[in-house]
Amino acid sequence: MSPKTKSIMTDQDIERALDRVALQILERNTRAGEIVIVGIHTGGVFLAERIQKIIEKREKISLPFGSLDITLYRDDWSRVSQNPIVKKTDIPFEVEGKTLVLVDDVVYTGRTIRAALDAIMDFGRPGSIQLAVLVDRGGRELPIQPDYTGLEIQVESDEHIHVLLQENNDIDKVVLEQAG
């Protein structure tokens, strides 16, 4: 049987969610100049750039931005592929003592975030690390929770969330793919 898809976030829903997340980041961190934004490849990078722009426009400041590839930090990379595709990590600023906001598109088991935390520590020790995600789909295997969430939804283990963004799909929407 072919999978069924159902839209769970429109472009407007995504925009509203990112605006809300950016505002929550600012409310929690009164010293906006100490914030650095890091997106996890691939979907988290595009969302992190959007959050960075929202904060910069609102606060009229410049925020450091970086991207992080966690492929070789994953505890399951050899099970996923014998020839992993490694993307570029680019963190062109000091993380030491900063408030680092880590951004990803979907949080599920927590393994991607655990790998990201390991990778970040290779760049120094931030004052704090906060996690922002567009979708929290539940189903954690590790005790990791986002600080900022655009949408929280309970999804079965055989269902998948796909975040489609203009930067790589020419459309903004989030879909739930149901098996069967």
N, C-alpha and C. Protein backbone atom coordinates (compact mmCIF):
# COMPACT_ATOMS: atom_id res chain seq x y z
N MET A 1 0.83 -1.19 0.00
CA MET A 1 0.00 0.00 0.00
C MET A 1 0.87 1.24 0.00
N SER A 2 0.41 2.26 -0.68
CA SER A 2 1.17 3.50 -0.72
C SER A 2 0.85 4.35 0.51
N PRO A 3 1.84 5.14 0.95
CA PRO A 3 1.62 5.97 2.13
C PRO A 3 0.65 7.13 1.84
N LYS A 4 -0.08 7.55 2.87
CA LYS A 4 -0.97 8.70 2.77
C LYS A 4 -0.31 9.87 3.46
N THR A 5 -0.45 11.06 2.88
CA THR A 5 0.10 12.25 3.53
C THR A 5 -1.02 13.21 3.89
N LYS A 6 -0.80 13.90 4.98
CA LYS A 6 -1.76 14.88 5.47
C LYS A 6 -0.99 16.11 5.89
N SER A 7 -1.40 17.28 5.43
CA SER A 7 -0.74 18.52 5.81
C SER A 7 -1.08 18.85 7.26
N ILE A 8 -0.04 19.14 8.05
CA ILE A 8 -0.28 19.51 9.45
C ILE A 8 0.17 20.93 9.77
N MET A 9 0.93 21.56 8.86
CA MET A 9 1.31 22.96 9.00
C MET A 9 1.39 23.59 7.61
N THR A 10 0.77 24.74 7.45
CA THR A 10 0.85 25.50 6.21
C THR A 10 2.02 26.47 6.29
N ASP A 11 2.27 27.19 5.20
CA ASP A 11 3.31 28.20 5.22
C ASP A 11 3.04 29.26 6.29
N GLN A 12 1.76 29.64 6.45
CA GLN A 12 1.42 30.63 7.48
C GLN A 12 1.62 30.07 8.88
N ASP A 13 1.30 28.80 9.08
CA ASP A 13 1.52 28.16 10.38
C ASP A 13 3.01 28.16 10.73
N ILE A 14 3.85 27.85 9.75
CA ILE A 14 5.29 27.83 9.96
C ILE A 14 5.79 29.22 10.31
N GLU A 15 5.34 30.21 9.57
CA GLU A 15 5.76 31.59 9.82
C GLU A 15 5.37 32.03 11.24
N ARG A 16 4.12 31.75 11.61
CA ARG A 16 3.66 32.10 12.96
C ARG A 16 4.47 31.38 14.04
N ALA A 17 4.73 30.11 13.82
CA ALA A 17 5.48 29.31 14.79
C ALA A 17 6.90 29.87 14.96
N LEU A 18 7.55 30.22 13.87
CA LEU A 18 8.91 30.76 13.95
C LEU A 18 8.92 32.13 14.61
N ASP A 19 7.92 32.95 14.33
CA ASP A 19 7.80 34.25 15.01
C ASP A 19 7.67 34.03 16.52
N ARG A 20 6.81 33.09 16.91
CA ARG A 20 6.59 32.80 18.32
C ARG A 20 7.86 32.28 18.99
N VAL A 21 8.55 31.37 18.32
CA VAL A 21 9.80 30.82 18.86
C VAL A 21 10.83 31.93 19.04
N ALA A 22 10.97 32.80 18.05
CA ALA A 22 11.94 33.91 18.14
C ALA A 22 11.60 34.82 19.33
N LEU A 23 10.32 35.12 19.50
CA LEU A 23 9.92 35.96 20.63
C LEU A 23 10.19 35.27 21.97
N GLN A 24 9.94 33.98 22.04
CA GLN A 24 10.21 33.24 23.28
C GLN A 24 11.71 33.22 23.59
N ILE A 25 12.52 33.11 22.57
CA ILE A 25 13.98 33.16 22.77
C ILE A 25 14.37 34.51 23.36
N LEU A 26 13.81 35.58 22.82
CA LEU A 26 14.12 36.93 23.32
C LEU A 26 13.59 37.14 24.74
N GLU A 27 12.41 36.63 25.02
CA GLU A 27 11.84 36.78 26.37
C GLU A 27 12.70 36.06 27.41
N ARG A 28 13.19 34.90 27.06
CA ARG A 28 13.98 34.11 28.00
C ARG A 28 15.40 34.65 28.16
N ASN A 29 15.93 35.25 27.11
CA ASN A 29 17.32 35.72 27.09
C ASN A 29 17.34 37.24 26.96
N THR A 30 17.36 37.91 28.08
CA THR A 30 17.27 39.37 28.06
C THR A 30 18.50 40.03 27.45
N ARG A 31 19.62 39.33 27.42
CA ARG A 31 20.83 39.88 26.79
C ARG A 31 20.97 39.26 25.40
N ALA A 32 20.24 39.81 24.45
CA ALA A 32 20.20 39.26 23.09
C ALA A 32 21.58 39.22 22.43
N GLY A 33 22.46 40.10 22.82
CA GLY A 33 23.80 40.14 22.25
C GLY A 33 24.66 38.94 22.60
N GLU A 34 24.23 38.14 23.56
CA GLU A 34 24.97 36.93 23.95
C GLU A 34 24.48 35.69 23.22
N ILE A 35 23.43 35.84 22.40
CA ILE A 35 22.84 34.69 21.71
C ILE A 35 23.62 34.39 20.42
N VAL A 36 23.86 33.10 20.18
CA VAL A 36 24.36 32.63 18.88
C VAL A 36 23.39 31.54 18.42
N ILE A 37 23.16 31.48 17.12
CA ILE A 37 22.20 30.54 16.54
C ILE A 37 22.95 29.51 15.71
N VAL A 38 22.66 28.22 15.94
CA VAL A 38 23.30 27.15 15.18
C VAL A 38 22.21 26.18 14.69
N GLY A 39 22.15 25.99 13.38
CA GLY A 39 21.20 25.06 12.79
C GLY A 39 21.84 23.73 12.49
N ILE A 40 21.08 22.66 12.73
CA ILE A 40 21.55 21.30 12.43
C ILE A 40 21.17 20.97 10.99
N HIS A 41 22.14 20.47 10.22
CA HIS A 41 21.86 20.09 8.83
C HIS A 41 20.83 18.98 8.79
N THR A 42 19.91 19.05 7.87
CA THR A 42 19.76 20.03 6.81
C THR A 42 18.62 21.01 7.16
N GLY A 43 17.48 20.49 7.54
CA GLY A 43 16.32 21.34 7.79
C GLY A 43 16.49 22.36 8.88
N GLY A 44 17.26 22.04 9.89
CA GLY A 44 17.47 22.97 10.99
C GLY A 44 18.22 24.22 10.58
N VAL A 45 19.08 24.10 9.57
CA VAL A 45 19.85 25.25 9.11
C VAL A 45 18.93 26.32 8.54
N PHE A 46 17.99 25.92 7.70
CA PHE A 46 17.08 26.89 7.09
C PHE A 46 16.20 27.55 8.14
N LEU A 47 15.72 26.78 9.10
CA LEU A 47 14.88 27.33 10.16
C LEU A 47 15.69 28.26 11.06
N ALA A 48 16.94 27.88 11.35
CA ALA A 48 17.80 28.73 12.17
C ALA A 48 18.05 30.08 11.50
N GLU A 49 18.27 30.06 10.18
CA GLU A 49 18.47 31.32 9.45
C GLU A 49 17.23 32.21 9.56
N ARG A 50 16.07 31.60 9.47
CA ARG A 50 14.83 32.38 9.57
C ARG A 50 14.66 32.97 10.97
N ILE A 51 14.94 32.17 11.99
CA ILE A 51 14.83 32.67 13.37
C ILE A 51 15.84 33.79 13.59
N GLN A 52 17.05 33.60 13.10
CA GLN A 52 18.08 34.63 13.22
C GLN A 52 17.60 35.95 12.60
N LYS A 53 17.04 35.89 11.41
CA LYS A 53 16.56 37.10 10.72
C LYS A 53 15.42 37.77 11.49
N ILE A 54 14.52 36.98 12.04
CA ILE A 54 13.41 37.55 12.82
C ILE A 54 13.94 38.30 14.03
N ILE A 55 14.88 37.69 14.74
CA ILE A 55 15.46 38.33 15.94
C ILE A 55 16.24 39.57 15.54
N GLU A 56 17.05 39.48 14.50
CA GLU A 56 17.84 40.63 14.06
C GLU A 56 16.95 41.80 13.66
N LYS A 57 15.89 41.52 12.93
CA LYS A 57 14.97 42.59 12.51
C LYS A 57 14.29 43.22 13.71
N ARG A 58 13.84 42.41 14.62
CA ARG A 58 13.10 42.89 15.79
C ARG A 58 14.01 43.69 16.74
N GLU A 59 15.21 43.19 16.96
CA GLU A 59 16.11 43.80 17.94
C GLU A 59 17.13 44.76 17.33
N LYS A 60 17.19 44.80 16.00
CA LYS A 60 18.15 45.65 15.29
C LYS A 60 19.59 45.37 15.75
N ILE A 61 19.92 44.08 15.79
CA ILE A 61 21.25 43.61 16.13
C ILE A 61 21.69 42.57 15.11
N SER A 62 22.95 42.20 15.17
CA SER A 62 23.47 41.15 14.31
C SER A 62 23.80 39.94 15.19
N LEU A 63 23.23 38.80 14.85
CA LEU A 63 23.48 37.58 15.62
C LEU A 63 24.39 36.64 14.85
N PRO A 64 25.40 36.09 15.51
CA PRO A 64 26.23 35.08 14.86
C PRO A 64 25.39 33.86 14.50
N PHE A 65 25.68 33.29 13.34
CA PHE A 65 24.94 32.14 12.83
C PHE A 65 25.93 31.07 12.39
N GLY A 66 25.60 29.82 12.69
CA GLY A 66 26.43 28.72 12.25
C GLY A 66 25.59 27.52 11.85
N SER A 67 26.25 26.57 11.19
CA SER A 67 25.58 25.33 10.80
C SER A 67 26.42 24.16 11.30
N LEU A 68 25.73 23.08 11.62
CA LEU A 68 26.38 21.94 12.26
C LEU A 68 25.97 20.64 11.58
N ASP A 69 26.96 19.85 11.18
CA ASP A 69 26.69 18.51 10.67
C ASP A 69 27.05 17.53 11.78
N ILE A 70 26.12 16.64 12.10
CA ILE A 70 26.32 15.72 13.22
C ILE A 70 26.48 14.28 12.74
N THR A 71 26.60 14.07 11.46
CA THR A 71 26.60 12.72 10.88
C THR A 71 27.54 11.77 11.60
N LEU A 72 28.79 12.18 11.77
CA LEU A 72 29.79 11.27 12.34
C LEU A 72 29.74 11.22 13.87
N TYR A 73 28.89 12.05 14.46
CA TYR A 73 28.71 12.02 15.92
C TYR A 73 27.56 11.11 16.33
N ARG A 74 26.76 10.69 15.36
CA ARG A 74 25.60 9.84 15.67
C ARG A 74 26.07 8.47 16.17
N ASP A 75 25.33 7.92 17.11
CA ASP A 75 25.68 6.59 17.61
C ASP A 75 25.18 5.49 16.69
N ASP A 76 24.41 5.87 15.67
CA ASP A 76 23.86 4.87 14.75
C ASP A 76 24.27 5.10 13.29
N TRP A 77 25.30 5.91 13.04
CA TRP A 77 25.62 6.26 11.66
C TRP A 77 26.02 5.05 10.83
N SER A 78 26.67 4.08 11.43
CA SER A 78 27.08 2.92 10.63
C SER A 78 25.88 2.04 10.26
N ARG A 79 24.81 2.12 11.04
CA ARG A 79 23.59 1.37 10.71
C ARG A 79 22.79 2.06 9.62
N VAL A 80 22.90 3.38 9.58
CA VAL A 80 22.13 4.15 8.59
C VAL A 80 22.76 4.01 7.21
N SER A 81 24.10 4.12 7.14
CA SER A 81 24.78 4.05 5.85
C SER A 81 26.25 3.73 6.06
N GLN A 82 26.81 2.91 5.20
CA GLN A 82 28.24 2.63 5.26
C GLN A 82 29.04 3.77 4.64
N ASN A 83 28.38 4.61 3.83
CA ASN A 83 29.01 5.76 3.20
C ASN A 83 28.22 7.02 3.52
N PRO A 84 28.34 7.51 4.76
CA PRO A 84 27.53 8.67 5.14
C PRO A 84 27.90 9.91 4.34
N ILE A 85 26.90 10.74 4.07
CA ILE A 85 27.12 12.00 3.38
C ILE A 85 27.33 13.07 4.45
N VAL A 86 28.54 13.58 4.52
CA VAL A 86 28.89 14.56 5.54
C VAL A 86 28.77 15.95 4.93
N LYS A 87 28.02 16.81 5.59
CA LYS A 87 27.86 18.19 5.14
C LYS A 87 28.84 19.07 5.91
N LYS A 88 28.86 20.33 5.56
CA LYS A 88 29.83 21.25 6.15
C LYS A 88 29.34 21.77 7.50
N THR A 89 30.22 21.73 8.47
CA THR A 89 30.00 22.43 9.73
C THR A 89 30.70 23.77 9.62
N ASP A 90 29.97 24.84 9.93
CA ASP A 90 30.53 26.19 9.83
C ASP A 90 30.08 26.97 11.06
N ILE A 91 30.97 27.07 12.03
CA ILE A 91 30.70 27.86 13.23
C ILE A 91 31.84 28.87 13.34
N PRO A 92 31.68 30.03 12.67
CA PRO A 92 32.78 31.00 12.55
C PRO A 92 32.82 32.02 13.71
N PHE A 93 32.52 31.56 14.92
CA PHE A 93 32.50 32.46 16.08
C PHE A 93 32.82 31.64 17.32
N GLU A 94 33.14 32.33 18.39
CA GLU A 94 33.40 31.67 19.67
C GLU A 94 32.07 31.26 20.29
N VAL A 95 31.99 30.04 20.79
CA VAL A 95 30.79 29.61 21.50
C VAL A 95 30.98 29.70 23.02
N GLU A 96 32.22 29.82 23.44
CA GLU A 96 32.56 29.86 24.86
C GLU A 96 31.74 30.93 25.59
N GLY A 97 30.97 30.49 26.59
CA GLY A 97 30.21 31.41 27.42
C GLY A 97 28.94 31.97 26.80
N LYS A 98 28.68 31.67 25.55
CA LYS A 98 27.51 32.22 24.85
C LYS A 98 26.24 31.42 25.16
N THR A 99 25.10 32.03 24.87
CA THR A 99 23.83 31.32 24.89
C THR A 99 23.63 30.78 23.48
N LEU A 100 23.81 29.49 23.33
CA LEU A 100 23.74 28.87 22.01
C LEU A 100 22.34 28.28 21.82
N VAL A 101 21.65 28.77 20.80
CA VAL A 101 20.34 28.23 20.46
C VAL A 101 20.54 27.27 19.30
N LEU A 102 20.31 26.00 19.58
CA LEU A 102 20.44 24.93 18.60
C LEU A 102 19.08 24.73 17.96
N VAL A 103 19.04 24.69 16.62
CA VAL A 103 17.76 24.62 15.91
C VAL A 103 17.72 23.38 15.02
N ASP A 104 16.59 22.66 15.13
CA ASP A 104 16.36 21.51 14.24
C ASP A 104 14.92 21.55 13.78
N ASP A 105 14.63 20.81 12.71
CA ASP A 105 13.27 20.83 12.19
C ASP A 105 12.33 19.95 13.00
N VAL A 106 12.75 18.72 13.32
CA VAL A 106 11.89 17.78 14.04
C VAL A 106 12.71 17.12 15.15
N VAL A 107 12.13 17.01 16.33
CA VAL A 107 12.76 16.21 17.37
C VAL A 107 11.91 14.96 17.56
N TYR A 108 12.61 13.82 17.60
CA TYR A 108 11.92 12.53 17.72
C TYR A 108 12.58 11.74 18.85
N THR A 109 13.57 10.93 18.55
CA THR A 109 14.18 10.07 19.57
C THR A 109 15.09 10.83 20.52
N GLY A 110 15.67 11.94 20.04
CA GLY A 110 16.64 12.70 20.82
C GLY A 110 18.07 12.40 20.42
N ARG A 111 18.26 11.40 19.56
CA ARG A 111 19.62 11.00 19.19
C ARG A 111 20.35 12.06 18.35
N THR A 112 19.65 12.74 17.49
CA THR A 112 20.28 13.82 16.71
C THR A 112 20.76 14.93 17.64
N ILE A 113 19.94 15.28 18.61
CA ILE A 113 20.30 16.35 19.53
C ILE A 113 21.47 15.93 20.42
N ARG A 114 21.48 14.68 20.88
CA ARG A 114 22.61 14.19 21.67
C ARG A 114 23.90 14.30 20.86
N ALA A 115 23.84 13.92 19.61
CA ALA A 115 25.01 14.01 18.74
C ALA A 115 25.42 15.47 18.54
N ALA A 116 24.43 16.35 18.40
CA ALA A 116 24.73 17.77 18.22
C ALA A 116 25.42 18.35 19.47
N LEU A 117 24.99 17.94 20.64
CA LEU A 117 25.62 18.41 21.87
C LEU A 117 27.08 17.97 21.92
N ASP A 118 27.36 16.73 21.54
CA ASP A 118 28.74 16.26 21.48
C ASP A 118 29.55 17.09 20.49
N ALA A 119 28.99 17.36 19.33
CA ALA A 119 29.69 18.12 18.29
C ALA A 119 29.97 19.55 18.75
N ILE A 120 29.00 20.18 19.37
CA ILE A 120 29.16 21.57 19.84
C ILE A 120 30.31 21.67 20.83
N MET A 121 30.44 20.70 21.71
CA MET A 121 31.50 20.74 22.73
C MET A 121 32.90 20.72 22.12
N ASP A 122 33.03 20.27 20.89
CA ASP A 122 34.32 20.34 20.21
C ASP A 122 34.71 21.78 19.87
N PHE A 123 33.74 22.70 19.94
CA PHE A 123 33.99 24.10 19.63
C PHE A 123 34.16 24.96 20.88
N GLY A 124 33.98 24.38 22.05
CA GLY A 124 34.09 25.13 23.29
C GLY A 124 32.89 24.83 24.17
N ARG A 125 32.82 25.55 25.27
CA ARG A 125 31.75 25.31 26.23
C ARG A 125 30.84 26.53 26.32
N PRO A 126 29.65 26.44 25.70
CA PRO A 126 28.71 27.56 25.79
C PRO A 126 28.25 27.77 27.24
N GLY A 127 27.80 28.98 27.55
CA GLY A 127 27.22 29.25 28.86
C GLY A 127 25.97 28.43 29.06
N SER A 128 25.18 28.30 27.99
CA SER A 128 24.00 27.44 28.00
C SER A 128 23.66 27.06 26.57
N ILE A 129 22.98 25.93 26.44
CA ILE A 129 22.49 25.48 25.14
C ILE A 129 20.99 25.32 25.27
N GLN A 130 20.26 25.95 24.36
CA GLN A 130 18.81 25.85 24.31
C GLN A 130 18.43 25.23 22.98
N LEU A 131 17.33 24.49 22.98
CA LEU A 131 16.91 23.77 21.79
C LEU A 131 15.59 24.33 21.26
N ALA A 132 15.59 24.70 19.99
CA ALA A 132 14.37 25.16 19.31
C ALA A 132 14.09 24.19 18.16
N VAL A 133 12.83 23.73 18.08
CA VAL A 133 12.43 22.83 17.00
C VAL A 133 11.10 23.31 16.43
N LEU A 134 10.91 23.05 15.15
CA LEU A 134 9.63 23.37 14.54
C LEU A 134 8.57 22.38 14.99
N VAL A 135 8.91 21.08 14.99
CA VAL A 135 7.93 20.04 15.36
C VAL A 135 8.53 19.09 16.38
N ASP A 136 7.80 18.89 17.47
CA ASP A 136 8.12 17.86 18.45
C ASP A 136 7.11 16.74 18.25
N ARG A 137 7.56 15.61 17.74
CA ARG A 137 6.66 14.51 17.40
C ARG A 137 6.54 13.46 18.49
N GLY A 138 7.20 13.68 19.63
CA GLY A 138 7.14 12.70 20.71
C GLY A 138 7.98 11.47 20.38
N GLY A 139 7.95 10.47 21.24
CA GLY A 139 8.65 9.22 20.98
C GLY A 139 10.10 9.21 21.40
N ARG A 140 10.45 9.97 22.43
CA ARG A 140 11.83 10.08 22.86
C ARG A 140 12.41 8.77 23.36
N GLU A 141 13.67 8.54 23.01
CA GLU A 141 14.46 7.44 23.56
C GLU A 141 15.47 7.97 24.58
N LEU A 142 15.75 9.26 24.50
CA LEU A 142 16.70 9.92 25.40
C LEU A 142 15.98 11.07 26.12
N PRO A 143 16.44 11.44 27.30
CA PRO A 143 15.77 12.50 28.06
C PRO A 143 16.12 13.90 27.56
N ILE A 144 15.65 14.21 26.36
CA ILE A 144 15.92 15.50 25.72
C ILE A 144 14.59 16.16 25.40
N GLN A 145 14.45 17.41 25.80
CA GLN A 145 13.22 18.16 25.54
C GLN A 145 13.56 19.52 24.94
N PRO A 146 12.82 19.96 23.94
CA PRO A 146 13.07 21.29 23.39
C PRO A 146 12.64 22.40 24.35
N ASP A 147 13.35 23.51 24.30
CA ASP A 147 12.98 24.70 25.06
C ASP A 147 11.90 25.49 24.33
N TYR A 148 11.94 25.42 23.00
CA TYR A 148 11.01 26.17 22.15
C TYR A 148 10.48 25.23 21.08
N THR A 149 9.16 25.20 20.91
CA THR A 149 8.53 24.28 19.97
C THR A 149 7.47 25.01 19.15
N GLY A 150 7.51 24.83 17.84
CA GLY A 150 6.49 25.41 16.98
C GLY A 150 5.19 24.63 17.03
N LEU A 151 5.28 23.29 17.01
CA LEU A 151 4.11 22.42 17.04
C LEU A 151 4.48 21.14 17.78
N GLU A 152 3.62 20.75 18.71
CA GLU A 152 3.79 19.49 19.41
C GLU A 152 2.68 18.56 18.97
N ILE A 153 3.04 17.37 18.49
CA ILE A 153 2.06 16.43 17.97
C ILE A 153 2.53 15.01 18.29
N GLN A 154 1.63 14.16 18.72
CA GLN A 154 1.98 12.76 18.97
C GLN A 154 1.83 11.98 17.67
N VAL A 155 2.89 11.30 17.28
CA VAL A 155 2.94 10.58 16.01
C VAL A 155 3.32 9.13 16.31
N GLU A 156 2.67 8.22 15.63
CA GLU A 156 2.97 6.80 15.80
C GLU A 156 4.36 6.49 15.24
N SER A 157 4.96 5.41 15.70
CA SER A 157 6.32 5.08 15.29
C SER A 157 6.44 4.75 13.80
N ASP A 158 5.34 4.32 13.16
CA ASP A 158 5.41 4.01 11.72
C ASP A 158 5.00 5.21 10.86
N GLU A 159 4.77 6.35 11.48
CA GLU A 159 4.44 7.58 10.75
C GLU A 159 5.67 8.49 10.71
N HIS A 160 5.73 9.35 9.71
CA HIS A 160 6.87 10.24 9.53
C HIS A 160 6.41 11.67 9.34
N ILE A 161 7.21 12.59 9.85
CA ILE A 161 6.98 14.02 9.66
C ILE A 161 7.97 14.50 8.61
N HIS A 162 7.49 15.22 7.61
CA HIS A 162 8.36 15.80 6.59
C HIS A 162 8.18 17.31 6.61
N VAL A 163 9.27 18.02 6.86
CA VAL A 163 9.26 19.48 6.84
C VAL A 163 9.78 19.90 5.47
N LEU A 164 8.90 20.50 4.69
CA LEU A 164 9.25 20.97 3.35
C LEU A 164 9.41 22.48 3.42
N LEU A 165 10.58 22.98 3.02
CA LEU A 165 10.85 24.40 3.11
C LEU A 165 11.21 24.97 1.74
N GLN A 166 10.90 26.23 1.55
CA GLN A 166 11.16 26.90 0.28
C GLN A 166 12.61 26.76 -0.15
N GLU A 167 13.52 26.78 0.80
CA GLU A 167 14.94 26.76 0.48
C GLU A 167 15.36 25.52 -0.30
N ASN A 168 14.64 24.41 -0.11
CA ASN A 168 15.02 23.21 -0.87
C ASN A 168 13.83 22.48 -1.50
N ASN A 169 12.60 23.00 -1.34
CA ASN A 169 11.42 22.34 -1.92
C ASN A 169 10.46 23.31 -2.61
N ASP A 170 10.79 24.58 -2.64
CA ASP A 170 9.94 25.61 -3.26
C ASP A 170 8.57 25.73 -2.61
N ILE A 171 8.40 25.20 -1.40
CA ILE A 171 7.12 25.28 -0.71
C ILE A 171 7.40 25.16 0.78
N ASP A 172 6.57 25.82 1.58
CA ASP A 172 6.66 25.69 3.03
C ASP A 172 5.45 24.94 3.52
N LYS A 173 5.67 23.75 4.05
CA LYS A 173 4.59 23.02 4.72
C LYS A 173 5.19 21.84 5.46
N VAL A 174 4.43 21.35 6.41
CA VAL A 174 4.81 20.18 7.16
C VAL A 174 3.73 19.14 6.92
N VAL A 175 4.16 17.93 6.54
CA VAL A 175 3.20 16.86 6.28
C VAL A 175 3.49 15.65 7.16
N LEU A 176 2.42 14.97 7.47
CA LEU A 176 2.48 13.71 8.19
C LEU A 176 2.25 12.61 7.19
N GLU A 177 3.21 11.69 7.09
CA GLU A 177 3.08 10.55 6.19
C GLU A 177 2.65 9.34 7.01
N GLN A 178 1.49 8.82 6.67
CA GLN A 178 0.93 7.68 7.40
C GLN A 178 1.15 6.41 6.59
N ALA A 179 1.58 5.39 7.24
CA ALA A 179 1.76 4.11 6.55
C ALA A 179 0.39 3.54 6.20
N GLY A 180 0.34 2.79 5.13
CA GLY A 180 -0.90 2.10 4.79
C GLY A 180 -1.67 2.78 3.76
